[in-house]
Amino acid sequence: MSNPAAASNPTELSPDAYRAHIAADIARVAEILPAHHAPEWSAPVPTCGEWTLRDLVVHLGIVHRMVVRAIAERVSPRGFDDSPAEGTDLSEWFREGAAAALEALDAPPETPAWTFYRDRDTVGFWLRRQAMENLIHRIDAELALGAETGIDVELARDGIAEVIDDIAHRMVAVGRFELPDRGIVVEASDGPRDDQAAGEAARFEIGTPEPRRAPDATGPAAELLLALWKRRTVSGTGGGGVSAADIELLDEEAAEALALPLTP
């Protein structure tokens, strides 16, 4: 499902930038993982429903193995069970899968790979998707252990674009929600995109909003990204257990728009 506003939204960092972000977020998760059998594995993840830290790490480790298979074998993850065996040292298991994923993602971005899309079936797709996957789940792990760190502004802006241009449209296509008639507009207040003049906010649009209408939500790119992924609570929108910092909503319709399931 295409987004008529996608041409005006930013897309994609360089392959090397994505690889650097993926490696950094993986390293951060590995750094904070507890020792084998430590009680922290049962820590709740406030942004992931009933998941514990163990559930989160298993999920991320399975995703890493899925990416390796998608690139190396060009096959769907359906039918494979990459769950760790009972009693496995999860820290070591996570590191092994992450190292394999990073090696697979070193392939040239134009290398063919299995993906969710027939028209975007290359390693380049996985570079962007894994940058966001590992970023969001790094934040999840940090929140579970009370050790949250920051998010690069350029990566956050690109993450917003992925949600607005891609993921939200998939959610509409599978019937999770309907776009509001006035569309949805968010603006990141911390600096312009490369295609904008200095001093402008980075503007992202989905649907067919009126030209230059006031944004539904304005705030720092990192906070907006986390709010779109329901990792932040914005007044009236639901989300994770952490309140968003410095996000301003236009009106009640804006709060309703951000409360929509724009992401899985």
C-alpha atoms as a PDB file:
ATOM      1  CA  MET A   1       0.000   0.000   0.000  1.00  0.00           C
ATOM      2  CA  SER A   2       1.603   3.254  -1.087  1.00  0.00           C
ATOM      3  CA  ASN A   3       1.598   6.527   0.788  1.00  0.00           C
ATOM      4  CA  PRO A   4       0.753   9.566  -1.364  1.00  0.00           C
ATOM      5  CA  ALA A   5       2.775  11.769   0.980  1.00  0.00           C
ATOM      6  CA  ALA A   6       5.826   9.511   0.992  1.00  0.00           C
ATOM      7  CA  ALA A   7       7.714  11.580  -1.552  1.00  0.00           C
ATOM      8  CA  SER A   8       7.788  14.489   0.918  1.00  0.00           C
ATOM      9  CA  ASN A   9       9.049  12.391   3.827  1.00  0.00           C
ATOM     10  CA  PRO A  10      12.738  11.577   4.415  1.00  0.00           C
ATOM     11  CA  THR A  11      14.095   8.127   3.705  1.00  0.00           C
ATOM     12  CA  GLU A  12      17.135   6.177   4.618  1.00  0.00           C
ATOM     13  CA  LEU A  13      20.570   6.731   6.007  1.00  0.00           C
ATOM     14  CA  SER A  14      23.679   5.308   4.373  1.00  0.00           C
ATOM     15  CA  PRO A  15      24.335   1.553   4.672  1.00  0.00           C
ATOM     16  CA  ASP A  16      27.378   2.224   6.841  1.00  0.00           C
ATOM     17  CA  ALA A  17      25.339   4.468   9.144  1.00  0.00           C
ATOM     18  CA  TYR A  18      22.719   1.765   9.579  1.00  0.00           C
ATOM     19  CA  ARG A  19      25.389  -0.855  10.296  1.00  0.00           C
ATOM     20  CA  ALA A  20      26.999   1.393  12.901  1.00  0.00           C
ATOM     21  CA  HIS A  21      23.674   2.002  14.657  1.00  0.00           C
ATOM     22  CA  ILE A  22      22.775  -1.704  14.627  1.00  0.00           C
ATOM     23  CA  ALA A  23      26.173  -2.656  16.045  1.00  0.00           C
ATOM     24  CA  ALA A  24      25.975   0.002  18.754  1.00  0.00           C
ATOM     25  CA  ASP A  25      22.498  -1.000  19.916  1.00  0.00           C
ATOM     26  CA  ILE A  26      23.378  -4.690  19.915  1.00  0.00           C
ATOM     27  CA  ALA A  27      26.508  -3.927  21.944  1.00  0.00           C
ATOM     28  CA  ARG A  28      24.451  -1.917  24.428  1.00  0.00           C
ATOM     29  CA  VAL A  29      21.968  -4.746  24.929  1.00  0.00           C
ATOM     30  CA  ALA A  30      24.799  -7.258  25.357  1.00  0.00           C
ATOM     31  CA  GLU A  31      26.466  -4.923  27.868  1.00  0.00           C
ATOM     32  CA  ILE A  32      23.464  -4.733  30.194  1.00  0.00           C
ATOM     33  CA  LEU A  33      22.300  -8.349  30.043  1.00  0.00           C
ATOM     34  CA  PRO A  34      22.468 -10.079  33.438  1.00  0.00           C
ATOM     35  CA  ALA A  35      24.496 -13.150  34.285  1.00  0.00           C
ATOM     36  CA  HIS A  36      23.104 -16.628  33.640  1.00  0.00           C
ATOM     37  CA  HIS A  37      20.343 -17.495  36.177  1.00  0.00           C
ATOM     38  CA  ALA A  38      20.320 -13.926  37.565  1.00  0.00           C
ATOM     39  CA  PRO A  39      16.906 -12.783  38.856  1.00  0.00           C
ATOM     40  CA  GLU A  40      16.901  -9.804  36.469  1.00  0.00           C
ATOM     41  CA  TRP A  41      15.878 -12.120  33.631  1.00  0.00           C
ATOM     42  CA  SER A  42      12.404 -12.065  35.171  1.00  0.00           C
ATOM     43  CA  ALA A  43      12.257  -8.257  35.196  1.00  0.00           C
ATOM     44  CA  PRO A  44       9.076  -6.998  33.503  1.00  0.00           C
ATOM     45  CA  VAL A  45       9.448  -4.951  30.315  1.00  0.00           C
ATOM     46  CA  PRO A  46       7.008  -2.064  30.897  1.00  0.00           C
ATOM     47  CA  THR A  47       6.690  -1.320  27.169  1.00  0.00           C
ATOM     48  CA  CYS A  48       6.010  -4.897  26.006  1.00  0.00           C
ATOM     49  CA  GLY A  49       2.854  -6.079  27.734  1.00  0.00           C
ATOM     50  CA  GLU A  50       3.513  -9.142  29.862  1.00  0.00           C
ATOM     51  CA  TRP A  51       7.007  -9.810  28.539  1.00  0.00           C
ATOM     52  CA  THR A  52       9.960 -10.262  30.841  1.00  0.00           C
ATOM     53  CA  LEU A  53      13.540  -9.419  29.913  1.00  0.00           C
ATOM     54  CA  ARG A  54      13.996 -13.083  28.989  1.00  0.00           C
ATOM     55  CA  ASP A  55      11.065 -12.922  26.555  1.00  0.00           C
ATOM     56  CA  LEU A  56      12.464  -9.772  24.967  1.00  0.00           C
ATOM     57  CA  VAL A  57      15.962 -11.175  24.495  1.00  0.00           C
ATOM     58  CA  VAL A  58      14.623 -14.436  23.064  1.00  0.00           C
ATOM     59  CA  HIS A  59      12.496 -12.460  20.600  1.00  0.00           C
ATOM     60  CA  LEU A  60      15.416 -10.311  19.482  1.00  0.00           C
ATOM     61  CA  GLY A  61      17.729 -13.313  19.195  1.00  0.00           C
ATOM     62  CA  ILE A  62      15.182 -15.129  17.024  1.00  0.00           C
ATOM     63  CA  VAL A  63      14.871 -12.035  14.818  1.00  0.00           C
ATOM     64  CA  HIS A  64      18.653 -11.948  14.352  1.00  0.00           C
ATOM     65  CA  ARG A  65      18.632 -15.574  13.238  1.00  0.00           C
ATOM     66  CA  MET A  66      15.700 -14.888  10.913  1.00  0.00           C
ATOM     67  CA  VAL A  67      17.684 -12.098   9.250  1.00  0.00           C
ATOM     68  CA  VAL A  68      20.663 -14.406   8.707  1.00  0.00           C
ATOM     69  CA  ARG A  69      18.417 -16.957   7.010  1.00  0.00           C
ATOM     70  CA  ALA A  70      16.625 -14.268   4.974  1.00  0.00           C
ATOM     71  CA  ILE A  71      19.940 -13.021   3.577  1.00  0.00           C
ATOM     72  CA  ALA A  72      22.018 -16.210   3.356  1.00  0.00           C
ATOM     73  CA  GLU A  73      19.268 -18.577   2.200  1.00  0.00           C
ATOM     74  CA  ARG A  74      16.633 -16.117   0.934  1.00  0.00           C
ATOM     75  CA  VAL A  75      13.853 -18.017   2.704  1.00  0.00           C
ATOM     76  CA  SER A  76      10.868 -17.034   4.847  1.00  0.00           C
ATOM     77  CA  PRO A  77      11.132 -17.592   8.622  1.00  0.00           C
ATOM     78  CA  ARG A  78       7.961 -19.703   8.556  1.00  0.00           C
ATOM     79  CA  GLY A  79       8.515 -23.250   9.746  1.00  0.00           C
ATOM     80  CA  PHE A  80      11.731 -22.594  11.644  1.00  0.00           C
ATOM     81  CA  ASP A  81      12.111 -22.636  15.415  1.00  0.00           C
ATOM     82  CA  ASP A  82      15.205 -20.748  16.549  1.00  0.00           C
ATOM     83  CA  SER A  83      14.215 -20.616  20.218  1.00  0.00           C
ATOM     84  CA  PRO A  84      17.035 -21.380  22.657  1.00  0.00           C
ATOM     85  CA  ALA A  85      17.073 -24.758  24.372  1.00  0.00           C
ATOM     86  CA  GLU A  86      16.099 -24.992  28.033  1.00  0.00           C
ATOM     87  CA  GLY A  87      18.990 -23.974  30.268  1.00  0.00           C
ATOM     88  CA  THR A  88      20.821 -22.015  27.554  1.00  0.00           C
ATOM     89  CA  ASP A  89      22.987 -19.121  28.685  1.00  0.00           C
ATOM     90  CA  LEU A  90      20.877 -16.394  27.059  1.00  0.00           C
ATOM     91  CA  SER A  91      23.600 -13.754  27.100  1.00  0.00           C
ATOM     92  CA  GLU A  92      25.919 -15.986  25.084  1.00  0.00           C
ATOM     93  CA  TRP A  93      23.066 -17.151  22.827  1.00  0.00           C
ATOM     94  CA  PHE A  94      22.129 -13.518  22.133  1.00  0.00           C
ATOM     95  CA  ARG A  95      25.718 -12.562  21.292  1.00  0.00           C
ATOM     96  CA  GLU A  96      26.107 -15.489  18.892  1.00  0.00           C
ATOM     97  CA  GLY A  97      22.971 -14.617  16.944  1.00  0.00           C
ATOM     98  CA  ALA A  98      23.801 -10.914  16.918  1.00  0.00           C
ATOM     99  CA  ALA A  99      27.293 -11.553  15.560  1.00  0.00           C
ATOM    100  CA  ALA A 100      25.873 -13.707  12.771  1.00  0.00           C
ATOM    101  CA  ALA A 101      23.309 -11.020  11.899  1.00  0.00           C
ATOM    102  CA  LEU A 102      25.958  -8.302  11.770  1.00  0.00           C
ATOM    103  CA  GLU A 103      28.072 -10.468   9.470  1.00  0.00           C
ATOM    104  CA  ALA A 104      25.096 -11.101   7.179  1.00  0.00           C
ATOM    105  CA  LEU A 105      24.265  -7.391   7.075  1.00  0.00           C
ATOM    106  CA  ASP A 106      27.799  -6.627   5.849  1.00  0.00           C
ATOM    107  CA  ALA A 107      26.675  -7.785   2.392  1.00  0.00           C
ATOM    108  CA  PRO A 108      26.234  -5.038  -0.221  1.00  0.00           C
ATOM    109  CA  PRO A 109      22.804  -3.402   0.166  1.00  0.00           C
ATOM    110  CA  GLU A 110      21.744  -4.478  -3.336  1.00  0.00           C
ATOM    111  CA  THR A 111      22.279  -8.173  -2.492  1.00  0.00           C
ATOM    112  CA  PRO A 112      19.025 -10.151  -3.002  1.00  0.00           C
ATOM    113  CA  ALA A 113      17.320 -11.304   0.188  1.00  0.00           C
ATOM    114  CA  TRP A 114      13.951 -12.589   1.354  1.00  0.00           C
ATOM    115  CA  THR A 115      11.846  -9.757   2.792  1.00  0.00           C
ATOM    116  CA  PHE A 116       8.195  -8.963   3.440  1.00  0.00           C
ATOM    117  CA  TYR A 117       8.001  -7.110   0.105  1.00  0.00           C
ATOM    118  CA  ARG A 118       8.438  -8.321  -3.464  1.00  0.00           C
ATOM    119  CA  ASP A 119       9.638  -4.912  -4.611  1.00  0.00           C
ATOM    120  CA  ARG A 120      12.159  -4.401  -1.783  1.00  0.00           C
ATOM    121  CA  ASP A 121      13.887  -7.755  -1.582  1.00  0.00           C
ATOM    122  CA  THR A 122      17.472  -6.789  -0.831  1.00  0.00           C
ATOM    123  CA  VAL A 123      19.832  -6.464   2.103  1.00  0.00           C
ATOM    124  CA  GLY A 124      19.156  -2.713   2.003  1.00  0.00           C
ATOM    125  CA  PHE A 125      15.654  -3.352   3.348  1.00  0.00           C
ATOM    126  CA  TRP A 126      17.054  -5.319   6.278  1.00  0.00           C
ATOM    127  CA  LEU A 127      19.629  -2.665   7.110  1.00  0.00           C
ATOM    128  CA  ARG A 128      16.939  -0.086   7.779  1.00  0.00           C
ATOM    129  CA  ARG A 129      14.483  -2.479   9.425  1.00  0.00           C
ATOM    130  CA  GLN A 130      17.136  -3.935  11.733  1.00  0.00           C
ATOM    131  CA  ALA A 131      18.390  -0.485  12.710  1.00  0.00           C
ATOM    132  CA  MET A 132      14.896   0.295  13.978  1.00  0.00           C
ATOM    133  CA  GLU A 133      14.221  -3.154  15.438  1.00  0.00           C
ATOM    134  CA  ASN A 134      17.392  -3.124  17.500  1.00  0.00           C
ATOM    135  CA  LEU A 135      16.912   0.505  18.534  1.00  0.00           C
ATOM    136  CA  ILE A 136      13.388   0.009  19.858  1.00  0.00           C
ATOM    137  CA  HIS A 137      14.252  -3.208  21.666  1.00  0.00           C
ATOM    138  CA  ARG A 138      17.424  -1.681  23.102  1.00  0.00           C
ATOM    139  CA  ILE A 139      15.167   0.918  24.696  1.00  0.00           C
ATOM    140  CA  ASP A 140      12.864  -1.883  25.925  1.00  0.00           C
ATOM    141  CA  ALA A 141      15.765  -3.696  27.571  1.00  0.00           C
ATOM    142  CA  GLU A 142      17.077  -0.512  29.156  1.00  0.00           C
ATOM    143  CA  LEU A 143      13.644   0.345  30.549  1.00  0.00           C
ATOM    144  CA  ALA A 144      13.357  -3.130  32.048  1.00  0.00           C
ATOM    145  CA  LEU A 145      16.649  -2.605  33.869  1.00  0.00           C
ATOM    146  CA  GLY A 146      16.264   1.109  34.618  1.00  0.00           C
ATOM    147  CA  ALA A 147      19.166   2.173  32.436  1.00  0.00           C
ATOM    148  CA  GLU A 148      17.767   4.107  29.444  1.00  0.00           C
ATOM    149  CA  THR A 149      20.169   5.993  27.177  1.00  0.00           C
ATOM    150  CA  GLY A 150      19.613   8.390  24.273  1.00  0.00           C
ATOM    151  CA  ILE A 151      18.752   8.046  20.589  1.00  0.00           C
ATOM    152  CA  ASP A 152      20.598   9.605  17.661  1.00  0.00           C
ATOM    153  CA  VAL A 153      18.454  12.377  16.138  1.00  0.00           C
ATOM    154  CA  GLU A 154      19.014  11.374  12.490  1.00  0.00           C
ATOM    155  CA  LEU A 155      18.158   7.760  13.258  1.00  0.00           C
ATOM    156  CA  ALA A 156      15.040   8.851  15.136  1.00  0.00           C
ATOM    157  CA  ARG A 157      13.879  10.975  12.202  1.00  0.00           C
ATOM    158  CA  ASP A 158      14.431   8.078   9.835  1.00  0.00           C
ATOM    159  CA  GLY A 159      12.507   5.834  12.212  1.00  0.00           C
ATOM    160  CA  ILE A 160       9.568   8.237  12.133  1.00  0.00           C
ATOM    161  CA  ALA A 161       9.687   8.171   8.333  1.00  0.00           C
ATOM    162  CA  GLU A 162       9.638   4.364   8.333  1.00  0.00           C
ATOM    163  CA  VAL A 163       6.515   4.360  10.505  1.00  0.00           C
ATOM    164  CA  ILE A 164       4.743   7.063   8.511  1.00  0.00           C
ATOM    165  CA  ASP A 165       5.734   5.893   5.013  1.00  0.00           C
ATOM    166  CA  ASP A 166       5.662   2.155   5.511  1.00  0.00           C
ATOM    167  CA  ILE A 167       4.569   0.469   8.709  1.00  0.00           C
ATOM    168  CA  ALA A 168       1.397   2.488   9.299  1.00  0.00           C
ATOM    169  CA  HIS A 169       0.274   1.714   5.755  1.00  0.00           C
ATOM    170  CA  ARG A 170       0.776  -1.983   6.348  1.00  0.00           C
ATOM    171  CA  MET A 171      -1.364  -1.683   9.471  1.00  0.00           C
ATOM    172  CA  VAL A 172      -4.108  -0.018   7.419  1.00  0.00           C
ATOM    173  CA  ALA A 173      -3.804  -2.694   4.721  1.00  0.00           C
ATOM    174  CA  VAL A 174      -4.387  -5.517   7.209  1.00  0.00           C
ATOM    175  CA  GLY A 175      -7.385  -3.735   8.729  1.00  0.00           C
ATOM    176  CA  ARG A 176      -5.923  -2.588  12.040  1.00  0.00           C
ATOM    177  CA  PHE A 177      -7.227   0.975  11.650  1.00  0.00           C
ATOM    178  CA  GLU A 178      -8.500   3.543   9.150  1.00  0.00           C
ATOM    179  CA  LEU A 179      -6.650   6.745   8.440  1.00  0.00           C
ATOM    180  CA  PRO A 180      -8.357   9.913   9.691  1.00  0.00           C
ATOM    181  CA  ASP A 181      -9.826  12.035   6.902  1.00  0.00           C
ATOM    182  CA  ARG A 182      -7.457  14.866   7.737  1.00  0.00           C
ATOM    183  CA  GLY A 183      -4.408  12.578   7.648  1.00  0.00           C
ATOM    184  CA  ILE A 184      -1.714  12.568  10.315  1.00  0.00           C
ATOM    185  CA  VAL A 185       1.138  15.075  10.583  1.00  0.00           C
ATOM    186  CA  VAL A 186       4.009  15.039  13.062  1.00  0.00           C
ATOM    187  CA  GLU A 187       6.939  17.437  13.291  1.00  0.00           C
ATOM    188  CA  ALA A 188      10.290  16.801  14.923  1.00  0.00           C
ATOM    189  CA  SER A 189      11.422  20.036  16.528  1.00  0.00           C
ATOM    190  CA  ASP A 190      15.130  19.246  16.836  1.00  0.00           C
ATOM    191  CA  GLY A 191      16.487  20.217  13.454  1.00  0.00           C
ATOM    192  CA  PRO A 192      15.549  20.028   9.770  1.00  0.00           C
ATOM    193  CA  ARG A 193      15.986  17.120   7.398  1.00  0.00           C
ATOM    194  CA  ASP A 194      18.612  17.287   4.668  1.00  0.00           C
ATOM    195  CA  ASP A 195      15.992  18.455   2.156  1.00  0.00           C
ATOM    196  CA  GLN A 196      14.744  21.337   4.319  1.00  0.00           C
ATOM    197  CA  ALA A 197      15.924  24.843   5.097  1.00  0.00           C
ATOM    198  CA  ALA A 198      17.718  25.582   8.337  1.00  0.00           C
ATOM    199  CA  GLY A 199      15.333  26.378  11.166  1.00  0.00           C
ATOM    200  CA  GLU A 200      12.465  24.254   9.827  1.00  0.00           C
ATOM    201  CA  ALA A 201      10.990  21.396  11.798  1.00  0.00           C
ATOM    202  CA  ALA A 202      11.241  17.940  10.197  1.00  0.00           C
ATOM    203  CA  ARG A 203       7.685  17.318   8.977  1.00  0.00           C
ATOM    204  CA  PHE A 204       6.197  13.869   8.302  1.00  0.00           C
ATOM    205  CA  GLU A 205       2.807  13.266   6.702  1.00  0.00           C
ATOM    206  CA  ILE A 206       0.564  10.266   6.126  1.00  0.00           C
ATOM    207  CA  GLY A 207      -2.644  10.403   4.139  1.00  0.00           C
ATOM    208  CA  THR A 208      -3.681  13.647   2.429  1.00  0.00           C
ATOM    209  CA  PRO A 209      -3.540  16.459   4.991  1.00  0.00           C
ATOM    210  CA  GLU A 210      -4.163  20.016   3.905  1.00  0.00           C
ATOM    211  CA  PRO A 211      -0.922  21.714   2.826  1.00  0.00           C
ATOM    212  CA  ARG A 212       1.055  23.007   5.792  1.00  0.00           C
ATOM    213  CA  ARG A 213      -1.705  22.388   8.272  1.00  0.00           C
ATOM    214  CA  ALA A 214      -0.723  22.447  11.936  1.00  0.00           C
ATOM    215  CA  PRO A 215       0.910  19.189  13.046  1.00  0.00           C
ATOM    216  CA  ASP A 216      -0.933  16.742  15.254  1.00  0.00           C
ATOM    217  CA  ALA A 217       2.169  16.265  17.389  1.00  0.00           C
ATOM    218  CA  THR A 218       5.359  18.280  17.766  1.00  0.00           C
ATOM    219  CA  GLY A 219       8.397  17.361  19.819  1.00  0.00           C
ATOM    220  CA  PRO A 220      11.912  15.913  19.843  1.00  0.00           C
ATOM    221  CA  ALA A 221      12.394  13.236  17.174  1.00  0.00           C
ATOM    222  CA  ALA A 222      13.382  10.550  19.685  1.00  0.00           C
ATOM    223  CA  GLU A 223      10.300  11.134  21.815  1.00  0.00           C
ATOM    224  CA  LEU A 224       8.011  11.166  18.765  1.00  0.00           C
ATOM    225  CA  LEU A 225       9.501   7.912  17.510  1.00  0.00           C
ATOM    226  CA  LEU A 226       9.022   6.225  20.868  1.00  0.00           C
ATOM    227  CA  ALA A 227       5.472   7.541  21.070  1.00  0.00           C
ATOM    228  CA  LEU A 228       4.668   6.144  17.615  1.00  0.00           C
ATOM    229  CA  TRP A 229       5.954   2.750  18.788  1.00  0.00           C
ATOM    230  CA  LYS A 230       3.916   3.096  22.011  1.00  0.00           C
ATOM    231  CA  ARG A 231       7.102   3.226  24.086  1.00  0.00           C
ATOM    232  CA  ARG A 232       6.056   6.596  25.469  1.00  0.00           C
ATOM    233  CA  THR A 233       2.788   7.729  26.959  1.00  0.00           C
ATOM    234  CA  VAL A 234       1.438  10.962  25.517  1.00  0.00           C
ATOM    235  CA  SER A 235      -1.619  12.384  27.238  1.00  0.00           C
ATOM    236  CA  GLY A 236      -4.674  10.472  26.055  1.00  0.00           C
ATOM    237  CA  THR A 237      -2.814   8.162  23.652  1.00  0.00           C
ATOM    238  CA  GLY A 238      -1.819   5.131  25.730  1.00  0.00           C
ATOM    239  CA  GLY A 239       1.626   3.600  25.336  1.00  0.00           C
ATOM    240  CA  GLY A 240       4.408   2.473  27.604  1.00  0.00           C
ATOM    241  CA  GLY A 241       4.945   3.315  31.214  1.00  0.00           C
ATOM    242  CA  VAL A 242       7.204   6.327  30.579  1.00  0.00           C
ATOM    243  CA  SER A 243       5.723   9.757  29.907  1.00  0.00           C
ATOM    244  CA  ALA A 244       6.891  11.468  26.743  1.00  0.00           C
ATOM    245  CA  ALA A 245       8.979  14.594  27.199  1.00  0.00           C
ATOM    246  CA  ASP A 246       8.045  17.823  25.430  1.00  0.00           C
ATOM    247  CA  ILE A 247       5.467  16.475  22.955  1.00  0.00           C
ATOM    248  CA  GLU A 248       2.676  18.917  22.197  1.00  0.00           C
ATOM    249  CA  LEU A 249      -0.636  17.698  20.741  1.00  0.00           C
ATOM    250  CA  LEU A 250      -2.788  19.864  18.516  1.00  0.00           C
ATOM    251  CA  ASP A 251      -6.207  18.797  19.834  1.00  0.00           C
ATOM    252  CA  GLU A 252      -8.312  15.781  20.855  1.00  0.00           C
ATOM    253  CA  GLU A 253      -8.279  14.462  17.288  1.00  0.00           C
ATOM    254  CA  ALA A 254      -4.488  14.527  17.397  1.00  0.00           C
ATOM    255  CA  ALA A 255      -4.506  12.469  20.601  1.00  0.00           C
ATOM    256  CA  GLU A 256      -6.859   9.989  18.933  1.00  0.00           C
ATOM    257  CA  ALA A 257      -4.565   9.796  15.888  1.00  0.00           C
ATOM    258  CA  LEU A 258      -1.492   9.001  17.965  1.00  0.00           C
ATOM    259  CA  ALA A 259      -3.466   6.383  19.891  1.00  0.00           C
ATOM    260  CA  LEU A 260      -4.127   4.458  16.667  1.00  0.00           C
ATOM    261  CA  PRO A 261      -2.125   1.225  16.162  1.00  0.00           C
ATOM    262  CA  LEU A 262       0.309   2.818  13.713  1.00  0.00           C
ATOM    263  CA  THR A 263       2.850   0.110  14.594  1.00  0.00           C
ATOM    264  CA  PRO A 264       2.498  -3.576  15.560  1.00  0.00           C
END
